[in-house]
Amino acid sequence: MSELIIYKANELVVSRYDLTEQETRLISYAVAKLNPMTNGSEEDRTVIIPYREYATAMKIDDSLAWHNLNNAVSELMQRTIEVVNPDPMAKIGKIIFQWVNQAKFDQQAQAVELTFSKEIRPFLFKMKEFIKYKLEHIRSMNNKYSMRFYEVLLKELGESKCTKKDVVFNIDNFKDLLMLEANYPTYKQFNQRILKVVIDDVNKNSNLKVSMKTQGRPVNTLIFSIEKTTKNQQLDLVKEIEHAEQAEIEQKTVKRKTAKQQVEQRRYKGLKIIMEQHQKGEIDLNDYEKKFVPRMIEIYENYNNFEKASDPQIQKADVTLAKYLPRF
């Protein structure tokens, strides 16, 4: 499995939403499977998550993965995001929308197909100001607030274009960001139950080191000193596209078959077998698969690879192979 990278617009990082730990992990994994360089069409916004793949990526037992996916997806359909306009004079003060608007459960392939809402497009695709990090930096965190805290700190570092910074928050604003404005009325409670936990979590499991000072009596200001411990420069998406195109050109000059080419050739052969078996009446494709499988075969035969296929198409092809050729 290739390294999974999460991209989120800065506005989304500081938006208001409340997810459980399992929902946060699911959203993070699903976002990591998106291609932020696409336009965000419905196909671009759709990801397929086989439960065994999810178990491997998140380092949990197979027996828990399908259960966690089912529960998280069901609850996620009701969750919303609130993006507040910082301009008090703006006509539209805030917008509220869902994370996802459709989920399909494939019982045979043991996979979930999620479609992100169209309203989320500006915050996950073709972004100008965004955070970027590896899924592994939050995968082992034990608290949903730790994951949000990590992203907020990354945003602050990215905006300052440095690897060390002191970030100052009004304590009420910070609690509001985490949707904890009605909880932990005293600083002592908030510090014990939230602040110490998230700082320890981030320090142990991510590529950031964090310490905290306070100001005021009673405490009204939080000062986080943060430092990135590994080099992880933020690149403009346009530059990443250029790098990808250059890498593709260089790859075509290599005569020997790469591992990726071997996987794509095997995928193509499997799809051909499925189509032949369908035509012989040995298997029965559904209406979607009758169009999808020939289309994927055509893409490979036209370009000798699947570069023109989107990530959701590749994922659907692999799910189809697992469904009809489980031992292939």
C-alpha atoms as a PDB file:
ATOM      1  CA  MET A   1       0.000   0.000   0.000  1.00  0.00           C
ATOM      2  CA  SER A   2       1.373   3.418  -0.976  1.00  0.00           C
ATOM      3  CA  GLU A   3       1.994   6.041   1.681  1.00  0.00           C
ATOM      4  CA  LEU A   4      -1.263   7.781   2.556  1.00  0.00           C
ATOM      5  CA  ILE A   5      -1.197  11.584   2.705  1.00  0.00           C
ATOM      6  CA  ILE A   6      -3.988  13.777   4.059  1.00  0.00           C
ATOM      7  CA  TYR A   7      -4.705  17.191   2.495  1.00  0.00           C
ATOM      8  CA  LYS A   8      -7.176  19.621   4.096  1.00  0.00           C
ATOM      9  CA  ALA A   9      -7.863  23.283   3.424  1.00  0.00           C
ATOM     10  CA  ASN A  10      -6.996  25.606   6.302  1.00  0.00           C
ATOM     11  CA  GLU A  11     -10.645  26.683   6.534  1.00  0.00           C
ATOM     12  CA  LEU A  12     -11.671  23.097   7.167  1.00  0.00           C
ATOM     13  CA  VAL A  13      -9.016  22.676   9.865  1.00  0.00           C
ATOM     14  CA  VAL A  14     -10.490  25.500  11.954  1.00  0.00           C
ATOM     15  CA  SER A  15     -14.145  24.739  11.166  1.00  0.00           C
ATOM     16  CA  ARG A  16     -16.505  23.492  13.853  1.00  0.00           C
ATOM     17  CA  TYR A  17     -17.426  19.817  13.886  1.00  0.00           C
ATOM     18  CA  ASP A  18     -17.671  17.040  16.444  1.00  0.00           C
ATOM     19  CA  LEU A  19     -16.764  13.474  15.470  1.00  0.00           C
ATOM     20  CA  THR A  20     -16.111  10.411  17.590  1.00  0.00           C
ATOM     21  CA  GLU A  21     -12.652   8.834  17.552  1.00  0.00           C
ATOM     22  CA  GLN A  22     -13.777   6.128  15.106  1.00  0.00           C
ATOM     23  CA  GLU A  23     -15.466   8.671  12.834  1.00  0.00           C
ATOM     24  CA  THR A  24     -12.345  10.850  12.907  1.00  0.00           C
ATOM     25  CA  ARG A  25     -10.173   7.900  11.896  1.00  0.00           C
ATOM     26  CA  LEU A  26     -12.557   6.932   9.102  1.00  0.00           C
ATOM     27  CA  ILE A  27     -12.710  10.481   7.719  1.00  0.00           C
ATOM     28  CA  SER A  28      -8.923  10.769   7.884  1.00  0.00           C
ATOM     29  CA  TYR A  29      -8.460   7.505   5.998  1.00  0.00           C
ATOM     30  CA  ALA A  30     -11.092   8.396   3.391  1.00  0.00           C
ATOM     31  CA  VAL A  31      -9.576  11.862   2.824  1.00  0.00           C
ATOM     32  CA  ALA A  32      -6.151  10.262   2.401  1.00  0.00           C
ATOM     33  CA  LYS A  33      -7.554   8.159  -0.459  1.00  0.00           C
ATOM     34  CA  LEU A  34      -8.767  11.244  -2.369  1.00  0.00           C
ATOM     35  CA  ASN A  35      -6.724  12.900  -5.101  1.00  0.00           C
ATOM     36  CA  PRO A  36      -6.652  16.643  -4.164  1.00  0.00           C
ATOM     37  CA  MET A  37      -5.390  17.576  -7.633  1.00  0.00           C
ATOM     38  CA  THR A  38      -8.684  16.597  -9.314  1.00  0.00           C
ATOM     39  CA  ASN A  39     -11.731  18.852  -9.697  1.00  0.00           C
ATOM     40  CA  GLY A  40     -13.890  17.092  -7.110  1.00  0.00           C
ATOM     41  CA  SER A  41     -16.506  15.512  -9.366  1.00  0.00           C
ATOM     42  CA  GLU A  42     -18.777  12.902  -7.793  1.00  0.00           C
ATOM     43  CA  GLU A  43     -16.398  10.206  -9.010  1.00  0.00           C
ATOM     44  CA  ASP A  44     -13.425  12.131  -7.554  1.00  0.00           C
ATOM     45  CA  ARG A  45     -15.275  12.415  -4.243  1.00  0.00           C
ATOM     46  CA  THR A  46     -16.022   8.686  -4.018  1.00  0.00           C
ATOM     47  CA  VAL A  47     -13.716   6.249  -2.247  1.00  0.00           C
ATOM     48  CA  ILE A  48     -13.988   2.505  -1.755  1.00  0.00           C
ATOM     49  CA  ILE A  49     -12.717   1.100   1.538  1.00  0.00           C
ATOM     50  CA  PRO A  50     -12.401  -2.696   1.787  1.00  0.00           C
ATOM     51  CA  TYR A  51     -12.472  -3.629   5.446  1.00  0.00           C
ATOM     52  CA  ARG A  52      -9.258  -5.678   5.316  1.00  0.00           C
ATOM     53  CA  GLU A  53      -7.429  -2.767   3.693  1.00  0.00           C
ATOM     54  CA  TYR A  54      -8.748  -0.479   6.432  1.00  0.00           C
ATOM     55  CA  ALA A  55      -7.634  -2.931   9.119  1.00  0.00           C
ATOM     56  CA  THR A  56      -4.108  -3.041   7.689  1.00  0.00           C
ATOM     57  CA  ALA A  57      -3.819   0.723   7.287  1.00  0.00           C
ATOM     58  CA  MET A  58      -5.148   1.543  10.747  1.00  0.00           C
ATOM     59  CA  LYS A  59      -3.366  -1.400  12.413  1.00  0.00           C
ATOM     60  CA  ILE A  60      -6.445  -3.004  13.922  1.00  0.00           C
ATOM     61  CA  ASP A  61      -7.720  -6.591  13.873  1.00  0.00           C
ATOM     62  CA  ASP A  62      -9.793  -7.738  10.895  1.00  0.00           C
ATOM     63  CA  SER A  63     -12.524  -8.764  13.313  1.00  0.00           C
ATOM     64  CA  LEU A  64     -12.884  -5.146  14.464  1.00  0.00           C
ATOM     65  CA  ALA A  65     -12.546  -3.408  11.113  1.00  0.00           C
ATOM     66  CA  TRP A  66     -15.935  -4.282   9.590  1.00  0.00           C
ATOM     67  CA  HIS A  67     -17.694  -3.543  12.888  1.00  0.00           C
ATOM     68  CA  ASN A  68     -15.929  -0.171  13.234  1.00  0.00           C
ATOM     69  CA  LEU A  69     -16.636   0.776   9.616  1.00  0.00           C
ATOM     70  CA  ASN A  70     -20.329  -0.058   9.920  1.00  0.00           C
ATOM     71  CA  ASN A  71     -20.793   1.923  13.113  1.00  0.00           C
ATOM     72  CA  ALA A  72     -18.696   4.904  12.037  1.00  0.00           C
ATOM     73  CA  VAL A  73     -20.340   5.223   8.613  1.00  0.00           C
ATOM     74  CA  SER A  74     -23.862   5.011  10.012  1.00  0.00           C
ATOM     75  CA  GLU A  75     -23.202   7.820  12.480  1.00  0.00           C
ATOM     76  CA  LEU A  76     -21.154   9.850   9.998  1.00  0.00           C
ATOM     77  CA  MET A  77     -24.186  10.326   7.748  1.00  0.00           C
ATOM     78  CA  GLN A  78     -25.629  12.618  10.422  1.00  0.00           C
ATOM     79  CA  ARG A  79     -22.491  14.687  11.115  1.00  0.00           C
ATOM     80  CA  THR A  80     -22.105  18.241   9.837  1.00  0.00           C
ATOM     81  CA  ILE A  81     -19.339  20.799   9.411  1.00  0.00           C
ATOM     82  CA  GLU A  82     -19.797  24.470  10.287  1.00  0.00           C
ATOM     83  CA  VAL A  83     -17.476  26.867   8.452  1.00  0.00           C
ATOM     84  CA  VAL A  84     -17.604  30.364   9.946  1.00  0.00           C
ATOM     85  CA  ASN A  85     -16.744  33.445   7.891  1.00  0.00           C
ATOM     86  CA  PRO A  86     -14.209  35.497   9.918  1.00  0.00           C
ATOM     87  CA  ASP A  87     -15.490  38.731   8.306  1.00  0.00           C
ATOM     88  CA  PRO A  88     -18.237  40.117  10.601  1.00  0.00           C
ATOM     89  CA  MET A  89     -19.524  42.294   7.731  1.00  0.00           C
ATOM     90  CA  ALA A  90     -19.944  39.396   5.280  1.00  0.00           C
ATOM     91  CA  LYS A  91     -23.441  38.601   3.998  1.00  0.00           C
ATOM     92  CA  ILE A  92     -23.002  34.870   4.631  1.00  0.00           C
ATOM     93  CA  GLY A  93     -21.827  34.412   8.207  1.00  0.00           C
ATOM     94  CA  LYS A  94     -21.419  30.644   8.079  1.00  0.00           C
ATOM     95  CA  ILE A  95     -22.258  27.574   6.044  1.00  0.00           C
ATOM     96  CA  ILE A  96     -23.224  24.141   7.372  1.00  0.00           C
ATOM     97  CA  PHE A  97     -22.997  20.948   5.331  1.00  0.00           C
ATOM     98  CA  GLN A  98     -22.508  17.199   5.696  1.00  0.00           C
ATOM     99  CA  TRP A  99     -19.226  15.327   5.439  1.00  0.00           C
ATOM    100  CA  VAL A 100     -20.706  12.625   3.208  1.00  0.00           C
ATOM    101  CA  ASN A 101     -24.049  12.261   1.464  1.00  0.00           C
ATOM    102  CA  GLN A 102     -23.977   8.606   0.450  1.00  0.00           C
ATOM    103  CA  ALA A 103     -22.641   5.302   1.715  1.00  0.00           C
ATOM    104  CA  LYS A 104     -22.935   1.909   0.063  1.00  0.00           C
ATOM    105  CA  PHE A 105     -22.146  -1.369   1.811  1.00  0.00           C
ATOM    106  CA  ASP A 106     -20.935  -4.157  -0.468  1.00  0.00           C
ATOM    107  CA  GLN A 107     -21.597  -7.341   1.475  1.00  0.00           C
ATOM    108  CA  GLN A 108     -19.871  -9.625  -1.022  1.00  0.00           C
ATOM    109  CA  ALA A 109     -16.686  -7.583  -1.317  1.00  0.00           C
ATOM    110  CA  GLN A 110     -16.859  -6.541   2.344  1.00  0.00           C
ATOM    111  CA  ALA A 111     -16.252  -2.920   1.412  1.00  0.00           C
ATOM    112  CA  VAL A 112     -17.796   0.494   2.022  1.00  0.00           C
ATOM    113  CA  GLU A 113     -18.169   3.071  -0.749  1.00  0.00           C
ATOM    114  CA  LEU A 114     -18.306   6.646   0.579  1.00  0.00           C
ATOM    115  CA  THR A 115     -19.195   9.749  -1.421  1.00  0.00           C
ATOM    116  CA  PHE A 116     -18.195  13.086   0.099  1.00  0.00           C
ATOM    117  CA  SER A 117     -20.720  15.903  -0.216  1.00  0.00           C
ATOM    118  CA  LYS A 118     -20.358  18.341  -3.124  1.00  0.00           C
ATOM    119  CA  GLU A 119     -20.230  21.253  -0.654  1.00  0.00           C
ATOM    120  CA  ILE A 120     -16.919  19.988   0.707  1.00  0.00           C
ATOM    121  CA  ARG A 121     -15.131  20.302  -2.654  1.00  0.00           C
ATOM    122  CA  PRO A 122     -13.397  23.662  -1.988  1.00  0.00           C
ATOM    123  CA  PHE A 123     -11.935  22.244   1.211  1.00  0.00           C
ATOM    124  CA  LEU A 124     -10.500  18.983  -0.181  1.00  0.00           C
ATOM    125  CA  PHE A 125      -9.741  19.688  -3.860  1.00  0.00           C
ATOM    126  CA  LYS A 126      -7.626  22.251  -5.758  1.00  0.00           C
ATOM    127  CA  MET A 127      -6.791  24.105  -2.525  1.00  0.00           C
ATOM    128  CA  LYS A 128      -4.500  27.106  -2.254  1.00  0.00           C
ATOM    129  CA  GLU A 129      -3.844  27.122   1.489  1.00  0.00           C
ATOM    130  CA  PHE A 130      -3.828  23.721   3.107  1.00  0.00           C
ATOM    131  CA  ILE A 131      -2.167  21.335   5.519  1.00  0.00           C
ATOM    132  CA  LYS A 132      -0.511  18.111   4.405  1.00  0.00           C
ATOM    133  CA  TYR A 133       0.577  15.233   6.614  1.00  0.00           C
ATOM    134  CA  LYS A 134       1.022  11.476   6.678  1.00  0.00           C
ATOM    135  CA  LEU A 135      -1.793   9.354   8.055  1.00  0.00           C
ATOM    136  CA  GLU A 136       0.741   7.594  10.279  1.00  0.00           C
ATOM    137  CA  HIS A 137       1.171  10.791  12.338  1.00  0.00           C
ATOM    138  CA  ILE A 138      -2.362  10.536  13.761  1.00  0.00           C
ATOM    139  CA  ARG A 139      -3.117   6.816  13.378  1.00  0.00           C
ATOM    140  CA  SER A 140      -1.901   5.938  16.869  1.00  0.00           C
ATOM    141  CA  MET A 141      -3.447   8.878  18.706  1.00  0.00           C
ATOM    142  CA  ASN A 142      -5.837   7.892  21.463  1.00  0.00           C
ATOM    143  CA  ASN A 143      -8.076  10.945  21.582  1.00  0.00           C
ATOM    144  CA  LYS A 144     -10.210  12.657  18.935  1.00  0.00           C
ATOM    145  CA  TYR A 145      -9.170  16.080  20.265  1.00  0.00           C
ATOM    146  CA  SER A 146      -5.510  15.146  19.792  1.00  0.00           C
ATOM    147  CA  MET A 147      -6.093  14.718  16.055  1.00  0.00           C
ATOM    148  CA  ARG A 148      -7.771  18.107  15.784  1.00  0.00           C
ATOM    149  CA  PHE A 149      -5.086  19.729  17.922  1.00  0.00           C
ATOM    150  CA  TYR A 150      -2.372  18.297  15.664  1.00  0.00           C
ATOM    151  CA  GLU A 151      -4.034  19.696  12.533  1.00  0.00           C
ATOM    152  CA  VAL A 152      -4.471  23.153  14.060  1.00  0.00           C
ATOM    153  CA  LEU A 153      -0.790  23.257  15.005  1.00  0.00           C
ATOM    154  CA  LEU A 154       0.211  22.192  11.481  1.00  0.00           C
ATOM    155  CA  LYS A 155      -1.903  25.007  10.041  1.00  0.00           C
ATOM    156  CA  GLU A 156      -0.142  27.544  12.248  1.00  0.00           C
ATOM    157  CA  LEU A 157       3.281  26.241  11.238  1.00  0.00           C
ATOM    158  CA  GLY A 158       2.357  26.208   7.554  1.00  0.00           C
ATOM    159  CA  GLU A 159       1.085  29.785   7.573  1.00  0.00           C
ATOM    160  CA  SER A 160       4.295  30.978   9.204  1.00  0.00           C
ATOM    161  CA  LYS A 161       6.452  28.849   6.840  1.00  0.00           C
ATOM    162  CA  CYS A 162       8.679  27.760   9.703  1.00  0.00           C
ATOM    163  CA  THR A 163       9.346  24.642  11.764  1.00  0.00           C
ATOM    164  CA  LYS A 164       9.179  26.341  15.194  1.00  0.00           C
ATOM    165  CA  LYS A 165       6.556  28.727  16.505  1.00  0.00           C
ATOM    166  CA  ASP A 166       4.696  29.934  19.586  1.00  0.00           C
ATOM    167  CA  VAL A 167       0.939  29.800  18.997  1.00  0.00           C
ATOM    168  CA  VAL A 168      -1.328  31.887  21.237  1.00  0.00           C
ATOM    169  CA  PHE A 169      -5.002  31.074  21.847  1.00  0.00           C
ATOM    170  CA  ASN A 170      -7.661  32.690  23.966  1.00  0.00           C
ATOM    171  CA  ILE A 171      -8.838  29.762  26.085  1.00  0.00           C
ATOM    172  CA  ASP A 172     -12.512  30.344  25.249  1.00  0.00           C
ATOM    173  CA  ASN A 173     -11.770  30.454  21.515  1.00  0.00           C
ATOM    174  CA  PHE A 174      -9.742  27.263  21.786  1.00  0.00           C
ATOM    175  CA  LYS A 175     -12.569  25.457  23.606  1.00  0.00           C
ATOM    176  CA  ASP A 176     -15.027  26.761  21.022  1.00  0.00           C
ATOM    177  CA  LEU A 177     -12.884  25.325  18.207  1.00  0.00           C
ATOM    178  CA  LEU A 178     -13.035  21.891  19.857  1.00  0.00           C
ATOM    179  CA  MET A 179     -16.770  22.375  20.545  1.00  0.00           C
ATOM    180  CA  LEU A 180     -16.124  22.186  24.295  1.00  0.00           C
ATOM    181  CA  GLU A 181     -17.479  25.621  25.175  1.00  0.00           C
ATOM    182  CA  ALA A 182     -20.097  24.077  27.487  1.00  0.00           C
ATOM    183  CA  ASN A 183     -17.651  21.683  29.171  1.00  0.00           C
ATOM    184  CA  TYR A 184     -14.925  21.956  31.813  1.00  0.00           C
ATOM    185  CA  PRO A 185     -15.837  25.322  33.356  1.00  0.00           C
ATOM    186  CA  THR A 186     -12.570  25.614  35.298  1.00  0.00           C
ATOM    187  CA  TYR A 187      -9.054  25.692  33.851  1.00  0.00           C
ATOM    188  CA  LYS A 188      -8.020  22.913  36.240  1.00  0.00           C
ATOM    189  CA  GLN A 189     -10.622  20.568  34.784  1.00  0.00           C
ATOM    190  CA  PHE A 190      -9.854  21.554  31.197  1.00  0.00           C
ATOM    191  CA  ASN A 191      -6.117  21.152  31.705  1.00  0.00           C
ATOM    192  CA  GLN A 192      -6.420  17.767  33.394  1.00  0.00           C
ATOM    193  CA  ARG A 193      -8.981  16.201  31.048  1.00  0.00           C
ATOM    194  CA  ILE A 194      -8.028  17.746  27.694  1.00  0.00           C
ATOM    195  CA  LEU A 195      -4.847  19.827  27.472  1.00  0.00           C
ATOM    196  CA  LYS A 196      -2.452  17.410  29.164  1.00  0.00           C
ATOM    197  CA  VAL A 197      -3.941  14.490  27.255  1.00  0.00           C
ATOM    198  CA  VAL A 198      -3.673  16.014  23.766  1.00  0.00           C
ATOM    199  CA  ILE A 199      -0.179  17.427  24.326  1.00  0.00           C
ATOM    200  CA  ASP A 200       1.074  14.056  25.548  1.00  0.00           C
ATOM    201  CA  ASP A 201      -0.663  12.274  22.644  1.00  0.00           C
ATOM    202  CA  VAL A 202       0.852  14.556  20.009  1.00  0.00           C
ATOM    203  CA  ASN A 203       4.323  14.350  21.554  1.00  0.00           C
ATOM    204  CA  LYS A 204       4.281  10.550  21.662  1.00  0.00           C
ATOM    205  CA  ASN A 205       2.687   9.768  18.314  1.00  0.00           C
ATOM    206  CA  SER A 206       3.386  12.545  15.798  1.00  0.00           C
ATOM    207  CA  ASN A 207       6.224  14.496  14.226  1.00  0.00           C
ATOM    208  CA  LEU A 208       5.576  17.539  16.453  1.00  0.00           C
ATOM    209  CA  LYS A 209       6.908  18.428  19.878  1.00  0.00           C
ATOM    210  CA  VAL A 210       4.654  20.637  21.986  1.00  0.00           C
ATOM    211  CA  SER A 211       4.900  22.414  25.336  1.00  0.00           C
ATOM    212  CA  MET A 212       2.487  24.897  26.916  1.00  0.00           C
ATOM    213  CA  LYS A 213       2.519  28.040  29.056  1.00  0.00           C
ATOM    214  CA  THR A 214      -0.429  30.020  30.338  1.00  0.00           C
ATOM    215  CA  GLN A 215      -1.238  33.635  31.125  1.00  0.00           C
ATOM    216  CA  GLY A 216      -3.857  35.311  33.291  1.00  0.00           C
ATOM    217  CA  ARG A 217      -5.416  34.748  36.693  1.00  0.00           C
ATOM    218  CA  PRO A 218      -7.682  32.950  36.204  1.00  0.00           C
ATOM    219  CA  VAL A 219      -6.015  31.509  33.096  1.00  0.00           C
ATOM    220  CA  ASN A 220      -7.363  33.101  29.917  1.00  0.00           C
ATOM    221  CA  THR A 221      -4.507  32.537  27.440  1.00  0.00           C
ATOM    222  CA  LEU A 222      -2.762  29.398  26.201  1.00  0.00           C
ATOM    223  CA  ILE A 223       0.682  29.586  24.570  1.00  0.00           C
ATOM    224  CA  PHE A 224       1.797  26.460  22.720  1.00  0.00           C
ATOM    225  CA  SER A 225       5.458  26.179  21.708  1.00  0.00           C
ATOM    226  CA  ILE A 226       5.615  23.804  18.753  1.00  0.00           C
ATOM    227  CA  GLU A 227       8.461  22.357  16.730  1.00  0.00           C
ATOM    228  CA  LYS A 228       8.418  19.986  13.781  1.00  0.00           C
ATOM    229  CA  THR A 229      10.854  17.155  14.356  1.00  0.00           C
ATOM    230  CA  THR A 230      11.007  15.927  10.747  1.00  0.00           C
ATOM    231  CA  LYS A 231      11.327  17.833   7.519  1.00  0.00           C
ATOM    232  CA  ASN A 232       7.900  17.931   5.864  1.00  0.00           C
ATOM    233  CA  GLN A 233       7.766  21.023   3.724  1.00  0.00           C
ATOM    234  CA  GLN A 234       4.426  22.226   2.413  1.00  0.00           C
ATOM    235  CA  LEU A 235       4.286  22.306  -1.367  1.00  0.00           C
ATOM    236  CA  ASP A 236       1.871  24.127  -3.617  1.00  0.00           C
ATOM    237  CA  LEU A 237      -0.424  21.663  -5.403  1.00  0.00           C
ATOM    238  CA  VAL A 238       0.594  23.094  -8.780  1.00  0.00           C
ATOM    239  CA  LYS A 239       4.213  22.174  -8.037  1.00  0.00           C
ATOM    240  CA  GLU A 240       3.152  18.698  -6.977  1.00  0.00           C
ATOM    241  CA  ILE A 241       1.370  18.247 -10.312  1.00  0.00           C
ATOM    242  CA  GLU A 242       4.529  19.315 -12.117  1.00  0.00           C
ATOM    243  CA  HIS A 243       6.591  16.864 -10.064  1.00  0.00           C
ATOM    244  CA  ALA A 244       4.119  14.071 -10.843  1.00  0.00           C
ATOM    245  CA  GLU A 245       4.201  14.807 -14.573  1.00  0.00           C
ATOM    246  CA  GLN A 246       8.001  14.877 -14.598  1.00  0.00           C
ATOM    247  CA  ALA A 247       8.124  11.614 -12.687  1.00  0.00           C
ATOM    248  CA  GLU A 248       5.764  10.052 -15.226  1.00  0.00           C
ATOM    249  CA  ILE A 249       8.013  11.148 -18.117  1.00  0.00           C
ATOM    250  CA  GLU A 250      11.068   9.708 -16.398  1.00  0.00           C
ATOM    251  CA  GLN A 251       9.233   6.489 -15.636  1.00  0.00           C
ATOM    252  CA  LYS A 252       8.447   5.950 -19.325  1.00  0.00           C
ATOM    253  CA  THR A 253      12.153   5.923 -20.121  1.00  0.00           C
ATOM    254  CA  VAL A 254      12.685   2.875 -17.926  1.00  0.00           C
ATOM    255  CA  LYS A 255      12.459  -0.244 -20.105  1.00  0.00           C
ATOM    256  CA  ARG A 256      12.066  -2.869 -17.438  1.00  0.00           C
ATOM    257  CA  LYS A 257       8.681  -3.473 -15.934  1.00  0.00           C
ATOM    258  CA  THR A 258       8.165  -1.765 -12.599  1.00  0.00           C
ATOM    259  CA  ALA A 259       6.163  -3.273  -9.756  1.00  0.00           C
ATOM    260  CA  LYS A 260       3.319  -0.880 -10.572  1.00  0.00           C
ATOM    261  CA  GLN A 261       3.252  -1.981 -14.219  1.00  0.00           C
ATOM    262  CA  GLN A 262       3.132  -5.608 -13.150  1.00  0.00           C
ATOM    263  CA  VAL A 263       0.175  -4.889 -10.825  1.00  0.00           C
ATOM    264  CA  GLU A 264      -1.657  -3.005 -13.600  1.00  0.00           C
ATOM    265  CA  GLN A 265      -1.050  -5.784 -16.114  1.00  0.00           C
ATOM    266  CA  ARG A 266      -2.393  -8.336 -13.626  1.00  0.00           C
ATOM    267  CA  ARG A 267      -5.440  -6.121 -12.985  1.00  0.00           C
ATOM    268  CA  TYR A 268      -6.071  -5.919 -16.743  1.00  0.00           C
ATOM    269  CA  LYS A 269      -5.781  -9.696 -17.191  1.00  0.00           C
ATOM    270  CA  GLY A 270      -8.201 -10.256 -14.314  1.00  0.00           C
ATOM    271  CA  LEU A 271     -10.775  -7.888 -15.797  1.00  0.00           C
ATOM    272  CA  LYS A 272     -10.427  -9.655 -19.155  1.00  0.00           C
ATOM    273  CA  ILE A 273     -11.100 -13.006 -17.486  1.00  0.00           C
ATOM    274  CA  ILE A 274     -14.182 -11.598 -15.729  1.00  0.00           C
ATOM    275  CA  MET A 275     -15.543 -10.247 -19.022  1.00  0.00           C
ATOM    276  CA  GLU A 276     -14.911 -13.539 -20.822  1.00  0.00           C
ATOM    277  CA  GLN A 277     -16.635 -15.522 -18.058  1.00  0.00           C
ATOM    278  CA  HIS A 278     -19.611 -13.158 -18.201  1.00  0.00           C
ATOM    279  CA  GLN A 279     -19.899 -13.573 -21.969  1.00  0.00           C
ATOM    280  CA  LYS A 280     -19.829 -17.365 -21.524  1.00  0.00           C
ATOM    281  CA  GLY A 281     -22.578 -17.132 -18.915  1.00  0.00           C
ATOM    282  CA  GLU A 282     -20.339 -18.423 -16.127  1.00  0.00           C
ATOM    283  CA  ILE A 283     -20.819 -15.297 -14.004  1.00  0.00           C
ATOM    284  CA  ASP A 284     -23.531 -12.636 -14.028  1.00  0.00           C
ATOM    285  CA  LEU A 285     -22.340  -9.021 -13.871  1.00  0.00           C
ATOM    286  CA  ASN A 286     -24.747  -6.371 -12.653  1.00  0.00           C
ATOM    287  CA  ASP A 287     -25.785  -3.483 -14.929  1.00  0.00           C
ATOM    288  CA  TYR A 288     -23.058  -1.161 -13.639  1.00  0.00           C
ATOM    289  CA  GLU A 289     -20.324  -3.794 -13.949  1.00  0.00           C
ATOM    290  CA  LYS A 290     -21.369  -4.596 -17.535  1.00  0.00           C
ATOM    291  CA  LYS A 291     -20.344  -1.056 -18.504  1.00  0.00           C
ATOM    292  CA  PHE A 292     -17.549  -0.533 -15.997  1.00  0.00           C
ATOM    293  CA  VAL A 293     -15.419  -3.608 -16.742  1.00  0.00           C
ATOM    294  CA  PRO A 294     -15.230  -3.033 -20.548  1.00  0.00           C
ATOM    295  CA  ARG A 295     -14.431   0.631 -19.925  1.00  0.00           C
ATOM    296  CA  MET A 296     -11.471  -0.239 -17.683  1.00  0.00           C
ATOM    297  CA  ILE A 297     -10.237  -2.778 -20.237  1.00  0.00           C
ATOM    298  CA  GLU A 298     -10.482  -0.108 -22.926  1.00  0.00           C
ATOM    299  CA  ILE A 299      -8.459   2.381 -20.843  1.00  0.00           C
ATOM    300  CA  TYR A 300      -5.633  -0.125 -20.403  1.00  0.00           C
ATOM    301  CA  GLU A 301      -5.618  -1.183 -24.057  1.00  0.00           C
ATOM    302  CA  ASN A 302      -5.541   2.445 -25.230  1.00  0.00           C
ATOM    303  CA  TYR A 303      -2.743   3.624 -22.940  1.00  0.00           C
ATOM    304  CA  ASN A 304      -1.056   0.385 -21.841  1.00  0.00           C
ATOM    305  CA  ASN A 305      -1.663   1.425 -18.229  1.00  0.00           C
ATOM    306  CA  PHE A 306      -4.384   2.737 -15.911  1.00  0.00           C
ATOM    307  CA  GLU A 307      -2.983   6.268 -15.551  1.00  0.00           C
ATOM    308  CA  LYS A 308      -6.165   7.703 -17.115  1.00  0.00           C
ATOM    309  CA  ALA A 309      -8.360   5.926 -14.567  1.00  0.00           C
ATOM    310  CA  SER A 310      -9.290   7.755 -11.370  1.00  0.00           C
ATOM    311  CA  ASP A 311      -8.504   6.418  -7.900  1.00  0.00           C
ATOM    312  CA  PRO A 312     -12.169   5.445  -7.284  1.00  0.00           C
ATOM    313  CA  GLN A 313     -12.174   3.556 -10.619  1.00  0.00           C
ATOM    314  CA  ILE A 314      -9.014   1.660  -9.631  1.00  0.00           C
ATOM    315  CA  GLN A 315     -10.505   0.865  -6.239  1.00  0.00           C
ATOM    316  CA  LYS A 316     -13.746  -0.339  -7.854  1.00  0.00           C
ATOM    317  CA  ALA A 317     -11.764  -2.519 -10.273  1.00  0.00           C
ATOM    318  CA  ASP A 318      -9.911  -4.167  -7.391  1.00  0.00           C
ATOM    319  CA  VAL A 319     -13.156  -4.723  -5.488  1.00  0.00           C
ATOM    320  CA  THR A 320     -14.672  -6.300  -8.622  1.00  0.00           C
ATOM    321  CA  LEU A 321     -11.655  -8.610  -8.944  1.00  0.00           C
ATOM    322  CA  ALA A 322     -11.975  -9.629  -5.299  1.00  0.00           C
ATOM    323  CA  LYS A 323     -15.673 -10.275  -5.809  1.00  0.00           C
ATOM    324  CA  TYR A 324     -15.437 -12.539  -8.875  1.00  0.00           C
ATOM    325  CA  LEU A 325     -11.845 -13.789  -8.716  1.00  0.00           C
ATOM    326  CA  PRO A 326     -11.028 -13.961  -4.968  1.00  0.00           C
ATOM    327  CA  ARG A 327      -7.990 -16.165  -5.558  1.00  0.00           C
ATOM    328  CA  PHE A 328      -6.625 -14.327  -8.582  1.00  0.00           C
END
